[in-house]
N, C-alpha and C. Protein backbone atom coordinates (compact mmCIF):
# COMPACT_ATOMS: atom_id res chain seq x y z
N UNK A 1 -4.79 25.08 -7.13
CA UNK A 1 -4.99 23.67 -6.52
C UNK A 1 -4.17 23.61 -5.29
N UNK A 2 -5.50 23.65 -4.57
CA UNK A 2 -5.27 23.80 -2.61
C UNK A 2 -4.94 22.28 -2.35
N UNK A 3 -4.14 22.35 -1.51
CA UNK A 3 -3.69 21.18 -0.92
C UNK A 3 -4.32 19.72 0.02
N UNK A 4 -5.69 20.77 -0.11
CA UNK A 4 -7.36 20.01 0.66
C UNK A 4 -7.70 19.04 -0.82
N UNK A 5 -7.09 19.30 -2.47
CA UNK A 5 -7.87 18.89 -2.99
C UNK A 5 -6.44 17.99 -3.81
N UNK A 6 -7.06 16.59 -4.14
CA UNK A 6 -6.42 15.51 -4.80
C UNK A 6 -6.57 15.23 -6.48
N UNK A 7 -5.58 15.28 -6.44
CA UNK A 7 -5.14 15.77 -8.01
C UNK A 7 -5.24 14.33 -8.58
N UNK A 8 -5.42 13.83 -10.02
CA UNK A 8 -5.87 12.63 -10.86
C UNK A 8 -6.04 12.80 -11.97
N UNK A 9 -5.00 11.89 -12.53
CA UNK A 9 -4.56 11.43 -13.44
C UNK A 9 -5.63 10.73 -14.38
N UNK A 10 -6.31 11.18 -14.98
CA UNK A 10 -6.33 9.46 -16.46
C UNK A 10 -5.96 9.14 -16.97
N UNK A 11 -5.53 7.85 -16.72
CA UNK A 11 -5.55 6.46 -17.91
C UNK A 11 -6.13 6.19 -19.16
N UNK A 12 -5.75 6.86 -20.02
CA UNK A 12 -6.87 5.76 -21.15
C UNK A 12 -6.29 5.23 -22.55
N UNK A 13 -6.16 3.52 -21.91
CA UNK A 13 -5.63 3.27 -23.57
C UNK A 13 -6.47 2.43 -24.32
N UNK A 14 -6.52 2.46 -25.20
CA UNK A 14 -7.18 2.75 -26.93
C UNK A 14 -6.10 1.63 -27.09
N UNK A 15 -6.30 0.10 -28.21
CA UNK A 15 -5.78 -0.20 -29.25
C UNK A 15 -7.33 -0.75 -30.45
N UNK A 16 -6.29 -0.66 -31.28
CA UNK A 16 -6.49 -1.12 -32.50
C UNK A 16 -6.18 -2.48 -33.70
N UNK A 17 -6.70 -3.24 -33.93
CA UNK A 17 -5.77 -4.11 -34.68
C UNK A 17 -6.45 -4.12 -36.21
N UNK A 18 -5.32 -4.02 -37.14
CA UNK A 18 -5.54 -4.04 -38.53
C UNK A 18 -4.95 -5.59 -39.21
N UNK A 19 -5.67 -5.89 -39.49
CA UNK A 19 -5.06 -7.55 -40.44
C UNK A 19 -5.26 -7.17 -42.20
N UNK A 20 -4.09 -6.93 -42.60
CA UNK A 20 -4.29 -7.04 -43.73
C UNK A 20 -3.53 -7.65 -45.10
N UNK A 21 -3.28 -7.71 -45.47
CA UNK A 21 -2.93 -8.44 -47.06
C UNK A 21 -1.73 -7.73 -47.13
N UNK A 22 -0.79 -8.36 -46.53
CA UNK A 22 1.02 -8.55 -46.44
C UNK A 22 1.57 -7.65 -48.01
N UNK A 23 0.42 -7.76 -49.26
CA UNK A 23 1.21 -8.00 -50.31
C UNK A 23 1.27 -6.38 -51.44
N UNK A 24 -0.05 -6.80 -51.57
CA UNK A 24 -1.24 -6.02 -51.75
C UNK A 24 -1.71 -4.65 -50.63
N UNK A 25 -1.53 -4.85 -49.52
CA UNK A 25 -2.22 -3.67 -48.39
C UNK A 25 -3.82 -3.63 -48.30
N UNK A 26 -3.88 -4.42 -48.74
CA UNK A 26 -5.53 -4.89 -48.81
C UNK A 26 -5.86 -5.12 -47.35
N UNK A 27 -6.72 -4.68 -46.56
CA UNK A 27 -7.42 -4.38 -45.22
C UNK A 27 -8.88 -5.52 -45.10
N UNK A 28 -8.00 -6.68 -44.57
CA UNK A 28 -8.78 -8.17 -44.28
C UNK A 28 -9.78 -7.80 -42.94
N UNK A 29 -9.30 -6.90 -42.24
CA UNK A 29 -10.21 -6.48 -40.69
C UNK A 29 -9.65 -5.78 -40.00
N UNK A 30 -10.89 -5.24 -39.74
CA UNK A 30 -10.60 -4.26 -38.92
C UNK A 30 -11.20 -3.80 -37.27
N UNK A 31 -10.49 -3.59 -36.67
CA UNK A 31 -11.74 -3.41 -34.80
C UNK A 31 -10.41 -3.24 -34.04
N UNK A 32 -11.63 -2.55 -33.03
CA UNK A 32 -10.56 -2.06 -31.57
C UNK A 32 -11.09 -3.24 -30.50
N UNK A 33 -10.36 -2.78 -29.78
CA UNK A 33 -9.97 -4.23 -28.71
C UNK A 33 -10.42 -3.71 -28.03
N UNK A 34 -10.49 -4.84 -26.58
CA UNK A 34 -11.27 -4.48 -24.92
C UNK A 34 -10.01 -4.49 -24.40
N UNK A 35 -9.99 -3.80 -23.34
CA UNK A 35 -8.95 -3.66 -22.48
C UNK A 35 -9.54 -4.40 -20.91
N UNK A 36 -8.37 -4.66 -20.29
CA UNK A 36 -8.73 -5.91 -19.17
C UNK A 36 -8.40 -5.06 -18.12
N UNK A 37 -8.76 -4.17 -17.98
CA UNK A 37 -8.63 -2.77 -16.64
C UNK A 37 -7.92 -3.50 -15.86
N UNK A 38 -8.36 -5.00 -14.15
CA UNK A 38 -7.14 -5.31 -13.69
C UNK A 38 -6.25 -5.28 -14.20
N UNK A 39 -5.80 -6.31 -15.00
CA UNK A 39 -4.93 -6.59 -15.56
C UNK A 39 -3.52 -5.70 -16.37
N UNK A 40 -4.44 -5.13 -16.87
CA UNK A 40 -3.63 -3.38 -17.15
C UNK A 40 -3.64 -2.55 -16.11
N UNK A 41 -3.96 -2.62 -15.21
CA UNK A 41 -3.29 -1.78 -13.54
C UNK A 41 -2.38 -2.07 -13.00
N UNK A 42 -2.10 -3.59 -13.23
CA UNK A 42 -1.10 -4.78 -13.45
C UNK A 42 0.33 -3.46 -13.63
N UNK A 43 0.34 -4.63 -15.12
CA UNK A 43 1.57 -4.30 -15.15
C UNK A 43 1.68 -3.09 -15.54
N UNK A 44 1.09 -1.30 -15.61
CA UNK A 44 2.07 0.27 -15.51
C UNK A 44 2.06 -0.27 -13.65
N UNK A 45 1.44 -0.68 -12.98
CA UNK A 45 1.98 0.29 -11.42
C UNK A 45 3.21 -1.33 -11.62
N UNK A 46 4.18 -2.19 -12.21
CA UNK A 46 4.67 -3.22 -12.49
C UNK A 46 6.26 -2.31 -13.41
N UNK A 47 5.33 -1.11 -13.96
CA UNK A 47 6.46 -0.86 -14.89
C UNK A 47 7.30 0.30 -13.73
N UNK A 48 6.08 0.97 -13.01
CA UNK A 48 6.78 2.52 -12.11
C UNK A 48 7.51 1.90 -11.63
N UNK A 49 7.09 -0.14 -10.38
CA UNK A 49 8.62 0.13 -9.99
C UNK A 49 9.72 -0.78 -9.88
N UNK A 50 9.49 -1.13 -11.97
CA UNK A 50 10.28 -2.43 -11.68
C UNK A 50 11.66 -1.68 -12.93
N UNK A 51 13.19 -1.84 -12.51
CA UNK A 51 14.15 -1.08 -13.05
C UNK A 51 13.74 -1.30 -14.40
N UNK A 52 14.41 0.14 -14.65
CA UNK A 52 14.26 0.44 -16.19
C UNK A 52 14.33 1.81 -16.50
N UNK A 53 14.21 3.08 -17.36
CA UNK A 53 14.73 4.22 -17.67
C UNK A 53 13.63 4.50 -16.90
N UNK A 54 12.48 4.66 -17.13
CA UNK A 54 10.57 4.91 -16.88
C UNK A 54 10.78 4.14 -15.19
N UNK A 55 10.96 3.96 -15.25
CA UNK A 55 10.63 3.00 -13.56
C UNK A 55 11.73 4.70 -12.34
N UNK A 56 10.66 4.73 -11.09
CA UNK A 56 10.85 5.62 -10.21
C UNK A 56 12.09 4.94 -9.28
N UNK A 57 13.22 5.10 -9.42
CA UNK A 57 14.20 5.40 -9.13
C UNK A 57 15.27 6.03 -7.39
N UNK A 58 13.70 7.62 -8.05
CA UNK A 58 15.01 8.34 -7.20
C UNK A 58 13.81 9.67 -6.19
N UNK A 59 14.31 9.84 -5.01
CA UNK A 59 13.49 10.42 -3.83
C UNK A 59 14.26 11.99 -3.34
N UNK A 60 13.94 12.62 -4.29
CA UNK A 60 14.28 14.35 -4.23
C UNK A 60 13.87 15.11 -3.01
N UNK A 61 14.66 15.78 -1.98
CA UNK A 61 13.73 16.68 -1.14
C UNK A 61 14.04 17.92 -1.22
N UNK A 62 13.77 19.05 -1.03
CA UNK A 62 14.01 20.60 -0.99
C UNK A 62 12.83 21.16 -0.03
N UNK A 63 13.83 22.75 -0.06
CA UNK A 63 12.87 23.35 1.33
C UNK A 63 12.08 24.32 0.23
N UNK A 64 11.94 24.88 -1.06
CA UNK A 64 11.81 25.21 -1.55
C UNK A 64 9.70 25.42 -1.48
N UNK A 65 9.04 25.00 -0.86
CA UNK A 65 7.76 24.49 -1.08
C UNK A 65 6.82 25.78 -0.79
N UNK A 66 7.55 25.95 0.54
CA UNK A 66 7.16 26.74 1.60
C UNK A 66 7.24 28.09 1.48
N UNK A 67 6.58 29.46 1.86
CA UNK A 67 7.06 30.73 2.65
C UNK A 67 6.11 30.52 4.30
N UNK A 68 7.36 31.19 5.27
CA UNK A 68 6.91 31.34 6.39
C UNK A 68 7.07 32.52 7.34
N UNK A 69 5.65 34.24 6.80
CA UNK A 69 5.93 35.08 7.19
C UNK A 69 5.92 35.17 8.68
N UNK A 70 6.71 36.27 9.52
CA UNK A 70 7.12 36.60 10.90
C UNK A 70 5.78 35.96 12.14
N UNK A 71 4.85 35.77 11.46
CA UNK A 71 3.82 35.15 12.66
C UNK A 71 4.06 33.57 12.43
N UNK A 72 4.42 33.07 11.72
CA UNK A 72 4.70 31.74 11.82
C UNK A 72 3.45 31.28 10.98
N UNK A 73 2.51 32.41 9.73
CA UNK A 73 1.98 31.75 8.67
C UNK A 73 2.56 30.67 7.99
N UNK A 74 1.70 29.88 7.19
CA UNK A 74 2.70 29.23 6.32
C UNK A 74 2.18 29.07 4.81
N UNK A 75 2.18 29.41 3.49
CA UNK A 75 2.20 29.68 2.52
C UNK A 75 2.70 28.01 1.69
N UNK A 76 1.73 27.71 0.58
CA UNK A 76 2.15 26.94 0.22
C UNK A 76 1.84 26.92 -1.52
N UNK A 77 3.14 26.80 -1.86
CA UNK A 77 3.43 26.90 -3.61
C UNK A 77 2.59 25.70 -4.02
N UNK A 78 1.59 25.96 -5.57
CA UNK A 78 1.65 25.07 -6.05
C UNK A 78 2.81 23.86 -6.62
N UNK A 79 2.35 22.86 -6.71
CA UNK A 79 3.30 21.76 -6.85
C UNK A 79 4.16 22.25 -8.18
N UNK A 80 4.80 21.86 -8.68
CA UNK A 80 5.96 22.26 -9.18
C UNK A 80 6.54 20.85 -10.71
N UNK A 81 4.82 21.01 -11.48
CA UNK A 81 4.92 19.70 -12.72
C UNK A 81 4.33 20.12 -14.04
N UNK A 82 4.52 21.89 -14.19
CA UNK A 82 4.26 22.02 -15.22
C UNK A 82 4.45 21.50 -16.85
N UNK A 83 6.21 21.24 -16.61
CA UNK A 83 6.29 21.68 -17.90
C UNK A 83 7.54 19.65 -17.59
N UNK A 84 8.44 19.49 -18.77
CA UNK A 84 8.77 18.36 -18.62
C UNK A 84 9.91 17.96 -18.06
N UNK A 85 10.63 19.56 -18.26
CA UNK A 85 12.08 19.48 -17.30
C UNK A 85 11.10 20.20 -16.17
N UNK A 86 10.78 19.54 -16.14
CA UNK A 86 9.72 20.59 -14.26
C UNK A 86 11.38 19.58 -12.46
N UNK A 87 11.68 20.85 -12.01
CA UNK A 87 12.17 20.38 -10.96
C UNK A 87 11.62 21.07 -9.53
N UNK A 88 11.94 20.68 -8.08
CA UNK A 88 11.79 21.13 -7.21
C UNK A 88 11.99 22.38 -7.05
N UNK A 89 11.09 23.59 -6.23
CA UNK A 89 11.84 25.01 -5.67
C UNK A 89 12.99 24.75 -5.35
N UNK A 90 12.92 23.71 -4.12
CA UNK A 90 15.12 24.44 -4.07
C UNK A 90 15.87 22.83 -3.53
N UNK A 91 15.87 22.34 -4.26
CA UNK A 91 16.61 20.55 -3.55
C UNK A 91 17.44 21.35 -3.28
N UNK A 92 17.76 19.78 -1.94
CA UNK A 92 18.66 19.73 -0.65
C UNK A 92 19.24 18.53 -0.52
N UNK A 93 18.40 17.80 -1.03
CA UNK A 93 19.05 16.62 -0.64
C UNK A 93 18.63 15.41 -1.96
N UNK A 94 18.65 14.18 -2.15
CA UNK A 94 18.56 13.18 -3.13
C UNK A 94 19.09 12.15 -2.37
N UNK A 95 18.44 11.38 -2.55
CA UNK A 95 18.86 9.13 -2.12
C UNK A 95 17.42 8.46 -3.57
N UNK A 96 18.64 7.45 -3.67
CA UNK A 96 17.54 6.26 -4.23
C UNK A 96 16.81 6.25 -3.46
N UNK A 97 14.99 5.42 -3.98
CA UNK A 97 14.33 4.23 -2.99
C UNK A 97 14.97 3.40 -2.49
N UNK A 98 14.60 3.47 -1.47
CA UNK A 98 14.70 2.02 -0.56
C UNK A 98 14.10 0.94 -1.45
N UNK A 99 12.56 0.82 -1.60
CA UNK A 99 12.56 -0.42 -2.10
C UNK A 99 11.55 0.21 -3.29
N UNK A 100 10.60 -0.45 -4.14
CA UNK A 100 9.29 -0.18 -4.44
C UNK A 100 8.05 -1.64 -5.17
N UNK A 101 7.60 -1.33 -3.76
CA UNK A 101 6.59 -3.03 -4.49
C UNK A 101 5.24 -2.58 -5.15
N UNK A 102 4.92 -3.46 -5.82
CA UNK A 102 3.26 -3.31 -6.20
C UNK A 102 2.33 -4.16 -5.42
N UNK A 103 1.25 -3.40 -5.18
CA UNK A 103 0.02 -4.31 -4.22
C UNK A 103 -0.56 -3.85 -5.13
N UNK A 104 -1.70 -4.71 -5.22
CA UNK A 104 -2.64 -5.84 -6.04
C UNK A 104 -3.42 -6.13 -5.17
N UNK A 105 -5.10 -6.41 -5.23
CA UNK A 105 -5.82 -6.94 -5.03
C UNK A 105 -6.83 -7.26 -5.63
N UNK A 106 -6.73 -8.47 -5.40
CA UNK A 106 -7.94 -9.05 -6.97
C UNK A 106 -9.15 -8.56 -7.46
N UNK A 107 -9.95 -8.62 -8.49
CA UNK A 107 -10.54 -7.91 -8.73
C UNK A 107 -10.46 -6.63 -8.47
N UNK A 108 -9.66 -5.58 -7.96
CA UNK A 108 -9.88 -4.04 -7.97
C UNK A 108 -9.56 -3.60 -9.38
N UNK A 109 -9.40 -2.48 -9.57
CA UNK A 109 -8.96 -2.21 -11.27
C UNK A 109 -7.77 -0.85 -10.76
N UNK A 110 -6.81 -1.16 -9.71
CA UNK A 110 -6.62 0.03 -9.86
C UNK A 110 -5.38 -1.32 -9.28
N UNK A 111 -4.01 -0.67 -8.56
CA UNK A 111 -2.65 -1.10 -8.47
C UNK A 111 -1.90 -0.07 -7.85
N UNK A 112 -1.16 -0.45 -6.21
CA UNK A 112 -0.73 0.55 -5.86
C UNK A 112 1.15 0.30 -6.30
N UNK A 113 1.89 1.32 -6.05
CA UNK A 113 3.32 1.41 -6.39
C UNK A 113 3.05 1.72 -4.93
N UNK A 114 4.37 1.15 -4.09
CA UNK A 114 4.68 1.75 -2.73
C UNK A 114 5.88 1.66 -2.56
N UNK A 115 6.64 2.76 -2.57
CA UNK A 115 8.16 3.17 -2.85
C UNK A 115 8.46 3.86 -1.17
N UNK A 116 9.33 3.31 -0.52
CA UNK A 116 9.67 3.39 0.20
C UNK A 116 11.26 4.44 0.30
N UNK A 117 11.76 5.08 1.20
CA UNK A 117 12.99 5.55 0.86
C UNK A 117 12.81 6.26 2.95
N UNK A 118 13.78 5.72 3.65
CA UNK A 118 14.35 6.36 4.66
C UNK A 118 15.95 6.82 4.85
N UNK A 119 16.02 7.91 5.59
CA UNK A 119 17.10 8.94 6.41
C UNK A 119 17.44 8.21 7.58
N UNK A 120 18.42 7.62 7.47
CA UNK A 120 18.59 7.68 8.85
C UNK A 120 19.38 8.28 9.43
N UNK A 121 20.01 7.97 10.66
CA UNK A 121 19.81 8.88 11.46
C UNK A 121 21.69 9.89 11.37
N UNK A 122 22.10 9.16 10.77
CA UNK A 122 23.51 9.71 9.75
C UNK A 122 23.44 10.25 8.48
N UNK A 123 22.34 10.24 7.45
CA UNK A 123 22.03 11.23 6.80
C UNK A 123 21.38 12.54 6.75
N UNK A 124 20.84 13.62 5.69
CA UNK A 124 22.10 13.30 5.81
C UNK A 124 23.47 13.70 6.21
N UNK A 125 25.10 13.80 6.32
CA UNK A 125 25.54 14.18 6.91
C UNK A 125 26.02 14.74 7.37
N UNK A 126 25.57 16.17 7.05
CA UNK A 126 26.12 17.31 7.48
C UNK A 126 24.53 17.87 8.13
N UNK A 127 23.57 16.93 8.95
CA UNK A 127 22.98 17.64 9.19
C UNK A 127 23.30 17.87 10.78
N UNK A 128 21.94 18.54 11.16
CA UNK A 128 22.05 19.83 12.37
C UNK A 128 21.81 18.72 13.37
N UNK A 129 22.37 18.71 14.59
CA UNK A 129 22.79 17.37 15.81
C UNK A 129 21.60 16.87 16.00
N UNK A 130 20.10 18.04 16.41
CA UNK A 130 18.77 17.89 16.96
C UNK A 130 17.92 18.93 16.54
N UNK A 131 16.75 18.33 15.99
CA UNK A 131 16.04 18.93 15.73
C UNK A 131 15.50 20.32 16.50
N UNK A 132 15.86 21.15 16.69
CA UNK A 132 15.41 21.86 17.13
C UNK A 132 15.53 24.00 16.74
N UNK A 133 15.70 23.88 15.46
CA UNK A 133 15.74 24.62 14.65
C UNK A 133 13.92 25.80 14.71
N UNK A 134 15.32 26.96 14.76
CA UNK A 134 13.67 27.79 15.09
C UNK A 134 13.16 28.64 13.71
N UNK A 135 14.07 28.90 12.69
CA UNK A 135 13.71 29.50 11.71
C UNK A 135 13.34 28.53 10.91
N UNK A 136 13.11 27.42 10.31
CA UNK A 136 12.70 26.52 9.72
C UNK A 136 12.97 26.77 8.26
N UNK A 137 14.73 27.07 8.45
CA UNK A 137 15.22 27.78 6.83
C UNK A 137 16.35 26.94 6.38
N UNK A 138 16.81 26.20 7.14
CA UNK A 138 17.65 24.96 7.35
C UNK A 138 17.89 24.07 5.94
N UNK A 139 19.01 23.73 5.46
CA UNK A 139 19.22 22.99 4.25
C UNK A 139 17.71 22.03 3.81
N UNK A 140 17.93 21.32 5.64
CA UNK A 140 17.76 19.69 6.01
C UNK A 140 16.21 19.57 6.59
N UNK A 141 15.21 21.02 6.34
CA UNK A 141 14.44 21.38 6.83
C UNK A 141 13.24 21.23 5.69
N UNK A 142 12.64 19.57 5.46
CA UNK A 142 12.39 19.49 4.09
C UNK A 142 10.33 20.08 4.27
N UNK A 143 10.58 20.87 2.67
CA UNK A 143 8.89 20.47 2.75
C UNK A 143 8.15 20.53 1.61
N UNK A 144 9.08 19.45 0.41
CA UNK A 144 9.13 19.41 -0.66
C UNK A 144 9.67 17.94 -1.16
N UNK A 145 8.92 17.06 -1.56
CA UNK A 145 9.39 16.24 -1.49
C UNK A 145 9.28 15.70 -3.06
N UNK A 146 9.33 14.68 -4.59
CA UNK A 146 9.24 14.60 -5.68
C UNK A 146 10.20 13.22 -5.78
N UNK A 147 9.51 12.39 -6.73
CA UNK A 147 9.79 11.03 -6.96
C UNK A 147 10.54 10.99 -8.67
N UNK A 148 11.87 10.67 -9.55
CA UNK A 148 12.43 10.65 -9.87
C UNK A 148 12.36 9.41 -10.94
N UNK A 149 12.32 9.65 -12.48
CA UNK A 149 12.76 8.46 -13.03
C UNK A 149 14.01 8.09 -13.13
N UNK A 150 14.61 6.85 -13.71
CA UNK A 150 15.44 6.56 -14.50
C UNK A 150 16.30 7.50 -15.30
N UNK A 151 15.28 8.22 -16.04
CA UNK A 151 15.77 8.94 -16.40
C UNK A 151 16.14 10.53 -16.42
N UNK A 152 15.74 10.76 -15.29
CA UNK A 152 15.40 11.78 -14.42
C UNK A 152 15.32 12.91 -14.63
N UNK A 153 13.68 11.99 -15.14
CA UNK A 153 12.43 13.31 -14.73
C UNK A 153 11.64 12.92 -13.62
N UNK A 154 10.94 14.21 -13.72
CA UNK A 154 9.94 14.26 -12.26
C UNK A 154 8.56 13.82 -12.55
N UNK A 155 8.13 12.69 -12.10
CA UNK A 155 7.16 12.04 -12.05
C UNK A 155 5.70 12.47 -11.22
N UNK A 156 6.15 13.02 -9.85
CA UNK A 156 5.27 14.21 -9.38
C UNK A 156 6.18 15.12 -7.75
N UNK A 157 5.19 15.71 -7.54
CA UNK A 157 5.74 16.73 -6.93
C UNK A 157 4.86 16.60 -5.89
N UNK A 158 5.03 17.41 -4.60
CA UNK A 158 4.55 16.95 -3.05
C UNK A 158 4.56 18.18 -2.08
N UNK A 159 3.68 18.99 -1.84
CA UNK A 159 4.52 20.09 -0.83
C UNK A 159 3.17 20.19 0.71
N UNK A 160 4.48 20.58 1.63
CA UNK A 160 3.93 19.87 3.07
C UNK A 160 4.65 20.81 3.65
N UNK A 161 3.88 20.95 5.51
CA UNK A 161 4.64 21.37 6.17
C UNK A 161 5.98 21.10 6.59
N UNK A 162 6.31 21.72 6.97
CA UNK A 162 8.37 21.94 6.80
C UNK A 162 8.26 20.58 7.83
N UNK A 163 9.06 19.99 7.41
CA UNK A 163 9.25 18.45 8.66
C UNK A 163 11.21 18.38 8.64
N UNK A 164 11.53 19.14 9.72
CA UNK A 164 13.69 18.66 10.06
C UNK A 164 13.82 17.47 9.83
N UNK A 165 14.76 17.36 9.17
CA UNK A 165 15.43 16.19 9.06
C UNK A 165 16.71 16.04 10.22
N UNK A 166 16.86 15.69 11.32
CA UNK A 166 18.72 15.86 11.99
C UNK A 166 19.04 14.54 12.78
N UNK A 167 20.67 14.43 13.72
CA UNK A 167 20.68 13.14 13.49
C UNK A 167 20.11 12.83 15.30
N UNK A 168 19.66 13.66 15.45
CA UNK A 168 17.74 12.58 16.70
C UNK A 168 17.08 11.90 16.01
N UNK A 169 16.95 11.83 14.86
CA UNK A 169 14.92 11.58 14.62
C UNK A 169 15.88 10.30 13.20
N UNK A 170 14.97 9.86 12.62
CA UNK A 170 15.79 8.58 11.63
C UNK A 170 13.72 8.93 11.15
N UNK A 171 14.02 9.20 10.31
CA UNK A 171 12.43 9.36 9.23
C UNK A 171 12.36 8.13 7.68
N UNK A 172 11.39 7.95 7.66
CA UNK A 172 10.20 7.02 6.84
C UNK A 172 10.06 7.73 5.98
N UNK A 173 10.03 7.48 4.22
CA UNK A 173 9.09 7.81 3.91
C UNK A 173 9.10 7.20 3.09
N UNK A 174 6.99 6.90 3.23
CA UNK A 174 6.14 6.20 2.36
C UNK A 174 5.05 6.91 1.45
N UNK A 175 5.99 6.87 0.12
CA UNK A 175 5.08 7.12 -1.21
C UNK A 175 4.21 6.08 -1.42
N UNK A 176 2.86 6.63 -1.54
CA UNK A 176 1.96 5.77 -2.09
C UNK A 176 1.47 6.43 -3.90
N UNK A 177 1.88 5.72 -4.94
CA UNK A 177 0.63 6.17 -5.88
C UNK A 177 -0.17 5.06 -6.61
N UNK A 178 -1.60 5.17 -6.49
CA UNK A 178 -2.40 4.51 -6.98
C UNK A 178 -2.67 4.48 -8.55
N UNK A 179 -2.34 3.48 -9.37
CA UNK A 179 -2.40 3.46 -11.07
C UNK A 179 -4.06 2.66 -10.94
N UNK A 180 -4.65 3.51 -11.85
CA UNK A 180 -6.60 2.92 -11.83
C UNK A 180 -6.67 3.04 -12.76
N UNK A 181 -7.33 2.34 -13.72
CA UNK A 181 -8.09 2.30 -14.98
C UNK A 181 -9.73 2.30 -14.66
N UNK A 182 -10.09 3.07 -16.11
CA UNK A 182 -11.73 2.73 -15.44
C UNK A 182 -12.06 2.71 -17.44
N UNK A 183 -13.23 2.63 -17.11
CA UNK A 183 -14.30 2.42 -18.77
C UNK A 183 -14.18 3.76 -19.05
N UNK A 184 -14.15 4.20 -20.01
CA UNK A 184 -14.90 5.65 -20.89
C UNK A 184 -15.31 4.78 -22.00
N UNK A 185 -16.96 5.68 -22.85
CA UNK A 185 -17.57 5.86 -24.03
C UNK A 185 -16.37 6.38 -24.60
N UNK A 186 -16.08 6.51 -25.93
CA UNK A 186 -15.34 7.29 -26.73
C UNK A 186 -16.38 7.63 -27.63
């Protein structure tokens, strides 16, 4: 996948109801349900934004997502989301998410989880004083970020042009996940 492509996951929620006699097991009614797409998108977004084992709580930073040749040409690796135990290519820093809020406009079948993490002037404590690196290989020259749940599972991974974090620069990362539900004939 190239960086210009947008990766989308599909959310499919189905349900059905079975009403039966508790003693005999006779099925009295059996029916598929309807999904309220707007409300289910809000519910899913809130699950990711709120506290709990599967909510997003941590943003990890790394410098293993790109390679740069002698002429300065950048090659981007594909995001590392192939297995349940996926990790950053080279994690160099980690921080709890400062805030996670759900944004929703009435009538839409999607909701956004907006996560913010700010790396203040003093973070990381062993960073360079100035953003003057020429080799783009330092620990805090980030080219990958991943979101992790409270149970330490990677949920997303993004690779981008290297950005140096140094003491003369405060960086804020605003990471938005859009939860969209749609109708599909089964």
